[in-house]
Protein backbone atom coordinates (compact mmCIF):
# COMPACT_ATOMS: atom_id res chain seq x y z
CA MET A 1 -34.98 16.46 -13.67
CA MET A 2 -31.87 18.20 -12.53
CA ASN A 3 -32.81 17.97 -8.92
CA ILE A 4 -33.50 14.17 -9.26
CA SER A 5 -30.15 13.57 -11.01
CA ASN A 6 -28.34 15.52 -8.21
CA LYS A 7 -29.99 13.48 -5.59
CA ARG A 8 -29.04 10.24 -7.30
CA LYS A 9 -25.37 11.47 -7.48
CA LYS A 10 -25.35 12.22 -3.77
CA LYS A 11 -26.91 8.88 -2.92
CA SER A 12 -24.50 6.99 -5.16
CA SER A 13 -21.30 8.70 -3.86
CA LYS A 14 -19.43 6.14 -1.69
CA VAL A 15 -18.85 6.90 1.97
CA LEU A 16 -15.68 5.34 3.70
CA ILE A 17 -16.18 4.39 7.37
CA LEU A 18 -12.59 4.85 8.53
CA CYS A 19 -11.60 3.35 11.89
CA ILE A 20 -8.13 4.66 12.99
CA ASP A 21 -5.86 2.95 15.59
CA ARG A 22 -2.96 5.35 15.88
CA ASP A 23 -0.80 3.33 18.25
CA ASP A 24 -1.35 -0.04 16.45
CA ASP A 25 -2.93 -2.04 19.27
CA LEU A 26 -4.53 -4.11 16.64
CA GLY A 27 -1.20 -5.17 14.97
CA ILE A 28 0.59 -5.66 18.30
CA LYS A 29 -2.14 -7.76 19.97
CA THR A 30 -3.39 -9.76 16.95
CA THR A 31 -0.57 -9.46 14.27
CA ILE A 32 -3.27 -8.46 11.72
CA LYS A 33 -1.75 -6.30 8.89
CA THR A 34 -3.46 -3.22 7.78
CA PRO A 35 -5.25 -1.73 6.01
CA VAL A 36 -8.21 -3.98 6.77
CA ILE A 37 -10.93 -3.48 4.23
CA GLY A 38 -14.49 -4.92 4.02
CA LEU A 39 -17.10 -5.82 6.61
CA LYS A 40 -16.09 -9.42 7.20
CA SER A 41 -12.41 -8.63 7.51
CA CYS A 42 -13.22 -5.79 10.00
CA GLN A 43 -15.56 -8.08 12.05
CA ASN A 44 -12.75 -10.77 12.30
CA ALA A 45 -10.30 -8.12 13.34
CA ALA A 46 -12.60 -6.63 16.07
CA ILE A 47 -13.31 -10.14 17.43
CA LYS A 48 -9.69 -11.17 17.56
CA LEU A 49 -8.71 -7.87 19.29
CA ALA A 50 -11.48 -8.18 21.78
CA MET A 51 -10.56 -11.83 22.49
CA SER A 52 -7.00 -10.94 23.11
CA ASP A 53 -7.65 -7.91 25.33
CA PRO A 54 -11.35 -7.40 26.41
CA GLU A 55 -10.58 -4.03 27.84
CA GLU A 56 -9.16 -2.72 24.63
CA ALA A 57 -10.79 0.60 23.53
CA ASP A 58 -9.83 0.13 19.92
CA ALA A 59 -11.99 -2.99 19.77
CA ASN A 60 -15.01 -0.86 20.77
CA ALA A 61 -14.04 1.62 18.16
CA ILE A 62 -14.08 -1.09 15.40
CA PHE A 63 -17.46 -2.37 16.53
CA ALA A 64 -18.76 1.21 16.51
CA SER A 65 -17.47 1.57 12.89
CA ILE A 66 -19.40 -1.74 11.97
CA LYS A 67 -22.59 -0.36 13.63
CA THR A 68 -22.27 2.92 11.62
CA TYR A 69 -21.59 0.91 8.40
CA ASN A 70 -24.75 -1.24 8.93
CA GLU A 71 -26.87 1.86 9.64
CA LEU A 72 -25.80 3.47 6.35
CA ILE A 73 -26.41 0.30 4.44
CA LYS A 74 -29.99 0.02 5.82
CA LYS A 75 -30.56 3.62 4.58
CA GLY A 76 -29.40 2.75 1.19
CA ARG A 77 -26.19 4.49 1.20
CA GLN A 78 -23.17 3.09 -0.75
CA CYS A 79 -20.33 2.74 1.75
CA GLU A 80 -17.13 0.81 2.63
CA ILE A 81 -15.41 0.11 5.96
CA CYS A 82 -11.79 -0.16 6.72
CA ILE A 83 -9.33 -0.13 9.68
CA VAL A 84 -5.99 1.66 9.39
CA THR A 85 -3.16 1.78 11.99
CA GLY A 86 -0.14 3.72 12.87
CA LEU A 87 2.98 2.73 14.84
CA HIS A 88 3.19 1.88 18.52
CA SER A 89 5.97 4.49 18.92
CA GLY A 90 3.58 7.35 17.68
CA GLY A 91 4.94 10.49 16.21
CA HIS A 92 5.23 11.73 12.64
CA GLN A 93 6.21 8.14 11.44
CA SER A 94 2.91 6.82 12.69
CA ASP A 95 1.03 9.53 11.05
CA GLU A 96 2.87 8.91 7.82
CA LYS A 97 1.95 5.27 7.90
CA ILE A 98 -1.66 6.15 8.50
CA ARG A 99 -1.61 8.64 5.58
CA ASN A 100 -0.14 5.97 3.22
CA GLU A 101 -2.66 3.39 4.18
CA ILE A 102 -5.57 5.90 3.76
CA ILE A 103 -4.28 6.74 0.27
CA THR A 104 -4.23 3.03 -0.60
CA VAL A 105 -7.86 2.57 0.78
CA VAL A 106 -9.27 5.56 -0.97
CA ASN A 107 -7.61 4.62 -4.32
CA LYS A 108 -8.96 0.99 -3.88
CA THR A 109 -12.53 1.78 -2.79
CA LYS A 110 -12.99 4.92 -4.87
CA SER A 111 -14.65 6.62 -1.84
CA LYS A 112 -15.69 10.25 -2.08
CA SER A 113 -16.08 11.18 1.61
CA ALA A 114 -15.29 9.67 4.99
CA ILE A 115 -16.72 9.21 8.57
CA ILE A 116 -13.80 9.01 11.05
CA VAL A 117 -14.19 6.64 14.05
CA SER A 118 -11.54 6.58 16.82
CA ASP A 119 -11.39 6.02 20.56
CA GLY A 120 -11.17 9.76 21.04
CA ALA A 121 -7.67 10.03 22.37
CA ASP A 122 -5.83 11.12 19.20
CA GLU A 123 -8.34 12.59 16.85
CA MET A 124 -6.80 16.11 17.15
CA TYR A 125 -3.60 14.68 15.77
CA LEU A 126 -5.23 12.79 12.96
CA LEU A 127 -7.31 15.50 11.34
CA PRO A 128 -4.47 17.29 9.52
CA VAL A 129 -3.33 13.87 8.24
CA ILE A 130 -6.70 13.04 6.70
CA GLN A 131 -8.23 16.27 5.57
CA GLY A 132 -6.02 16.62 2.51
CA LEU A 133 -6.87 13.09 1.37
CA ILE A 134 -10.66 12.83 1.55
CA PRO A 135 -13.50 15.07 2.71
CA ILE A 136 -14.63 14.34 6.29
CA ILE A 137 -18.42 14.18 6.90
CA SER A 138 -18.34 13.35 10.50
CA ILE A 139 -16.05 12.34 13.43
CA GLN A 140 -17.25 9.79 15.99
CA ARG A 141 -15.53 9.43 19.28
CA VAL A 142 -15.97 6.11 21.01
CA VAL A 143 -15.62 6.17 24.83
CA ILE A 144 -16.73 3.20 27.04
CA LYS A 145 -19.88 4.35 28.80
CA HIS A 146 -19.04 3.20 32.34
CA SER A 147 -15.81 5.15 32.38
CA GLY A 148 -16.52 8.27 30.30
CA ALA A 149 -14.31 11.14 31.28
CA LEU A 150 -12.32 8.82 33.50
CA GLU A 151 -11.17 6.86 30.47
CA ASP A 152 -9.93 10.14 28.86
CA THR A 153 -8.13 11.11 32.01
CA TYR A 154 -6.40 7.71 32.38
CA SER A 155 -5.37 7.84 28.69
CA ILE A 156 -3.81 11.28 29.15
CA LEU A 157 -2.09 10.35 32.49
CA GLY A 158 -0.85 7.05 30.88
CA LYS A 159 0.66 8.95 27.93
CA TYR A 160 2.42 11.45 30.25
CA LEU A 161 3.78 8.57 32.48
CA LYS A 162 4.98 6.79 29.39
CA MET A 163 6.74 9.91 28.15
CA LEU A 164 8.38 10.45 31.60
CA ILE A 165 9.68 6.94 31.73
CA PHE A 166 10.64 5.94 28.11
CA GLU A 167 11.51 9.27 26.38
CA LYS A 168 15.06 10.16 27.01
CA ARG A 169 14.63 13.95 27.20
CA PHE A 170 12.02 13.52 30.05
CA SER A 171 13.39 10.47 31.85
CA LYS A 172 16.63 12.22 32.56
CA ILE A 173 14.89 14.61 34.80
CA ALA A 174 11.89 12.51 36.08
CA LEU A 175 13.97 9.40 36.92
CA GLY A 176 17.59 10.51 36.70
CA VAL A 177 17.42 13.40 39.29
CA PRO A 178 15.29 11.41 41.89
CA GLY A 179 17.64 8.49 41.41
CA ILE A 180 20.76 10.64 42.23
CA ILE A 181 18.98 12.05 45.29
CA PHE A 182 18.03 8.60 46.61
CA LEU A 183 21.60 7.31 45.99
CA SER A 184 23.06 10.35 47.86
CA TRP A 185 20.76 9.64 50.82
CA ALA A 186 21.96 6.04 50.80
CA PHE A 187 25.59 7.19 50.99
CA LEU A 188 24.73 9.79 53.79
CA GLY A 189 23.06 6.95 55.72
CA LEU A 190 26.14 4.82 55.51
CA PHE A 191 28.27 7.65 57.21
CA ASN A 192 25.46 8.70 59.60
CA LEU A 193 24.98 12.01 57.85
CA LEU A 194 21.28 11.94 57.09
CA ASP A 195 20.86 15.30 58.92
CA GLN A 196 22.66 16.88 55.82
CA ALA A 197 20.04 15.25 53.46
CA ILE A 198 18.07 18.51 52.85
CA THR A 199 21.28 20.46 51.94
CA VAL A 200 22.38 17.76 49.56
CA THR A 201 18.93 17.45 48.00
CA LEU A 202 18.74 21.19 47.49
CA GLY A 203 22.20 21.16 45.92
CA ILE A 204 21.31 18.32 43.54
CA LEU A 205 18.08 20.05 42.48
CA GLY A 206 19.79 23.43 41.92
CA LEU A 207 22.49 21.80 39.80
CA ALA A 208 19.77 19.99 37.74
CA LEU A 209 17.80 23.20 37.26
CA ILE A 210 21.05 25.02 36.13
CA ILE A 211 21.96 22.25 33.79
CA ARG A 212 18.52 22.08 32.15
CA GLY A 213 17.99 25.82 32.28
CA PHE A 214 21.17 26.71 30.39
CA ASP A 215 20.83 23.66 28.21
CA LEU A 216 24.29 22.50 29.30
CA ASP A 217 23.43 18.81 28.83
CA ARG A 218 22.77 19.26 25.16
CA LEU A 219 25.80 21.54 24.80
CA THR A 220 27.96 18.77 26.32
CA MET A 221 26.52 16.23 23.90
CA ASP A 222 27.26 18.52 20.93
CA LEU A 223 30.89 19.18 22.04
CA PRO A 224 32.47 16.46 19.88
CA LYS A 225 30.60 17.86 16.82
CA LEU A 226 31.77 21.47 17.18
CA GLN A 227 33.99 23.05 14.70
CA LEU A 228 37.45 24.66 15.58
CA SER A 229 36.01 28.14 15.66
CA SER A 230 33.21 26.98 18.02
CA TYR A 231 35.84 25.53 20.52
CA VAL A 232 37.58 28.93 20.56
CA ARG A 233 34.27 30.71 21.16
CA LEU A 234 33.29 28.37 23.87
CA PHE A 235 36.62 28.74 25.63
CA SER A 236 36.47 32.55 25.55
CA ILE A 237 32.90 32.52 26.81
CA ILE A 238 33.58 30.23 29.73
CA GLY A 239 36.96 32.02 30.49
CA GLY A 240 35.34 35.44 30.32
CA PHE A 241 32.41 34.38 32.44
CA LEU A 242 34.71 33.05 35.24
CA VAL A 243 36.81 36.22 35.24
CA ILE A 244 33.76 38.42 35.51
CA ILE A 245 32.43 36.27 38.42
CA VAL A 246 35.83 36.59 40.16
CA GLY A 247 35.74 40.41 39.63
CA THR A 248 32.15 40.67 40.92
CA LEU A 249 33.02 38.72 44.08
CA PHE A 250 36.09 40.97 44.71
CA GLY A 251 34.02 44.09 44.24
CA LEU A 252 31.25 42.97 46.60
CA SER A 253 33.90 41.86 49.12
CA ASN A 254 35.45 45.30 49.01
CA ILE A 255 32.01 46.83 49.54
CA VAL A 256 31.18 44.61 52.60
CA SER A 257 34.48 45.38 54.29
CA SER A 258 34.08 49.22 53.76
CA GLY A 259 33.02 51.60 56.43
CA ALA A 260 30.23 52.97 54.10
CA PHE A 261 28.60 49.57 54.13
CA SER A 262 28.78 49.44 57.88
CA GLN A 263 27.01 52.79 58.04
CA VAL A 264 24.31 51.62 55.73
CA PHE A 265 23.81 48.38 57.60
CA SER A 266 23.58 50.16 61.01
CA ASN A 267 21.37 52.93 59.70
CA PRO A 268 19.47 52.33 56.41
CA SER A 269 18.76 56.10 56.15
CA ASN A 270 22.38 56.55 55.04
CA PHE A 271 21.89 54.39 51.90
CA PHE A 272 21.38 57.15 49.34
CA SER A 273 24.34 59.25 50.65
CA SER A 274 26.56 56.15 50.68
CA VAL A 275 25.64 54.88 47.13
CA PRO A 276 28.30 56.98 45.26
CA GLU A 277 30.98 55.59 47.52
CA LEU A 278 29.82 52.00 47.36
CA VAL A 279 29.61 52.14 43.45
CA GLY A 280 33.04 53.60 43.40
CA LEU A 281 34.48 50.85 45.73
CA PHE A 282 32.88 48.11 43.57
CA THR A 283 34.02 49.57 40.25
CA SER A 284 37.63 50.38 41.27
CA THR A 285 38.10 46.78 42.52
CA SER A 286 36.14 44.83 39.89
CA LEU A 287 36.68 46.95 36.71
CA VAL A 288 39.94 45.32 35.69
CA PHE A 289 38.43 41.82 35.99
CA ILE A 290 35.06 42.64 34.31
CA TRP A 291 36.92 44.39 31.47
CA THR A 292 39.24 41.54 31.01
CA GLY A 293 36.33 39.12 30.92
CA LEU A 294 34.58 41.30 28.24
CA GLY A 295 37.85 41.37 26.36
CA LEU A 296 38.01 37.56 26.34
CA PHE A 297 34.47 37.52 24.99
CA VAL A 298 35.30 39.93 22.11
CA SER A 299 38.75 38.33 21.40
CA GLY A 300 37.33 34.78 21.30
CA GLY A 301 34.56 36.00 18.81
CA MET A 302 37.27 37.73 16.71
CA LEU A 303 39.40 34.64 16.56
CA SER A 304 36.46 32.43 15.81
CA ASN A 305 35.40 34.72 13.00
CA TRP A 306 38.92 34.85 11.64
CA ILE A 307 38.99 31.05 11.52
CA SER A 308 35.75 31.13 9.67
CA ASN A 309 36.95 33.77 7.28
CA LYS A 310 34.29 36.31 8.41
CA ASN A 311 36.57 39.40 7.98
CA ARG A 312 33.81 41.98 8.46
CA ARG A 313 33.05 40.62 11.92
CA VAL A 314 36.66 40.51 12.79
CA ILE A 315 36.96 44.30 12.07
CA ARG A 316 33.77 44.94 14.07
CA GLY A 317 35.23 42.94 16.99
CA ALA A 318 38.51 44.86 16.79
CA VAL A 319 36.52 48.17 17.05
CA VAL A 320 34.73 46.88 20.04
CA LEU A 321 37.94 45.82 21.64
CA PHE A 322 39.52 49.27 21.11
CA THR A 323 36.41 50.87 22.44
CA LEU A 324 36.58 48.87 25.72
CA LEU A 325 40.25 49.86 25.97
CA PHE A 326 39.61 53.55 25.58
CA LEU A 327 36.71 53.33 28.08
CA TYR A 328 38.69 51.73 30.78
CA PHE A 329 40.57 54.79 31.88
CA PRO A 330 37.65 57.19 32.10
CA LEU A 331 35.71 54.58 34.13
CA GLN A 332 38.63 54.05 36.44
CA GLN A 333 39.00 57.74 37.14
CA PHE A 334 35.19 58.02 37.60
CA ALA A 335 35.40 55.27 40.28
CA TYR A 336 38.25 57.04 42.01
CA ILE A 337 36.31 60.29 42.05
CA LEU A 338 33.28 58.57 43.69
CA ILE A 339 35.54 57.42 46.62
CA GLY A 340 37.36 60.75 46.78
CA GLN A 341 40.67 59.73 45.23
CA GLY A 342 40.32 60.77 41.64
CA ASN A 343 41.38 63.82 39.60
CA MET A 344 38.60 65.59 37.58
CA PHE A 345 41.18 66.87 35.01
CA ILE A 346 42.50 63.39 34.23
CA PHE A 347 38.91 62.10 34.04
CA ILE A 348 37.80 64.73 31.50
CA SER A 349 40.96 64.47 29.51
CA SER A 350 40.81 60.65 29.42
CA LEU A 351 37.23 60.82 28.37
CA VAL A 352 37.87 63.23 25.50
CA PHE A 353 41.02 61.32 24.36
CA GLY A 354 38.98 57.95 24.52
CA LEU A 355 36.14 59.45 22.49
CA ALA A 356 38.51 60.94 19.93
CA ALA A 357 40.54 57.72 19.68
CA THR A 358 37.35 55.59 19.29
CA PHE A 359 36.12 57.91 16.57
CA LEU A 360 39.40 57.81 14.68
CA THR A 361 39.57 53.93 15.12
CA VAL A 362 36.03 53.46 13.69
CA ILE A 363 36.82 55.75 10.68
CA PHE A 364 40.18 54.13 9.94
CA MET A 365 38.79 50.52 10.23
CA TYR A 366 35.77 51.31 8.07
CA GLN A 367 37.68 53.16 5.37
CA ARG A 368 40.58 50.71 5.31
CA TYR A 369 38.96 47.33 5.66
CA ILE A 370 35.35 47.69 4.76
CA ASN A 371 34.65 50.57 2.47
CA TYR A 372 37.90 50.48 0.49
CA PRO A 373 37.67 46.73 -0.52
CA LYS A 374 34.12 47.40 -1.82
CA LYS A 375 35.33 50.27 -4.15
CA ARG A 376 38.24 48.09 -5.24
CA ARG A 377 35.85 45.27 -6.26
CA ARG A 378 33.89 47.73 -8.37
């Protein structure tokens, strides 16, 4: 008796044949509002969609849903059929609309399980939306037989092309950069300078890659939204970066104009013997610029943190700034020693003095501004 009653319960549980049109081709091409519930309503929707666009894959999906519905009815299963749609723009808003319509259908039909029917392009996005609402028995993909995998390929290519053309974050690169290149060629042609087209094209592509790689376009868009502390930090970063670049160029220029570089260039076997002198030449020339740039980084961070009332970070920045200051003289003497102009006593004494000064600075800052306020609060 228990087995018979269980079978009757399974037989009597209503199955929902759920046809999903994620990009709302049904609504756009027929103006039919969803959800569409019931066999006759779904048949009318399928016919109207097929009449408006005979090549529409979603019409085939609706007819496949009707076929599945009729097969289950012939087997004596209790079932219902419906069509739900998303939005043409896609994305999370489309999925939210589908979810709300499914909730409405499930509550209205009292269905206990569902068979999902779709054109196969978006089912991977739909499963998380549906699984929490109703148990899924089966998923049916409907692909036109004469096109098969080609249909899926066209669908994927079409979506990527649509993204490249209409989505701003992709169109800036896919359309904007080629547009600038073609426009530059037109100007070069006006002045009979098309022989420079390759150079100009490479320059434009390089600039585009730098802007996108360092996210400079988004940073530029966010500039009006920055706080005062962020402007200070931005100035210090750009200023410090420029000073470091200048110092690096000066250092490289000093290396190239030196006799040691000429020896290495003429005889590569002299490379290892010339490395100390080359390092010393680079450091002695560029050290002041590089240290100034690093100082700008740290100072900008300190000022930004001070504006934001982040006192602990201000103290840490001050410690870093003093450490850079005390390290400058030992590094300078080290560079002079490498090129044969330094004094070993000055180097060692500046190193010891810098270490002691850094140690005392850290202890003073920690005791005075970090540890002591904690004790006073207790």
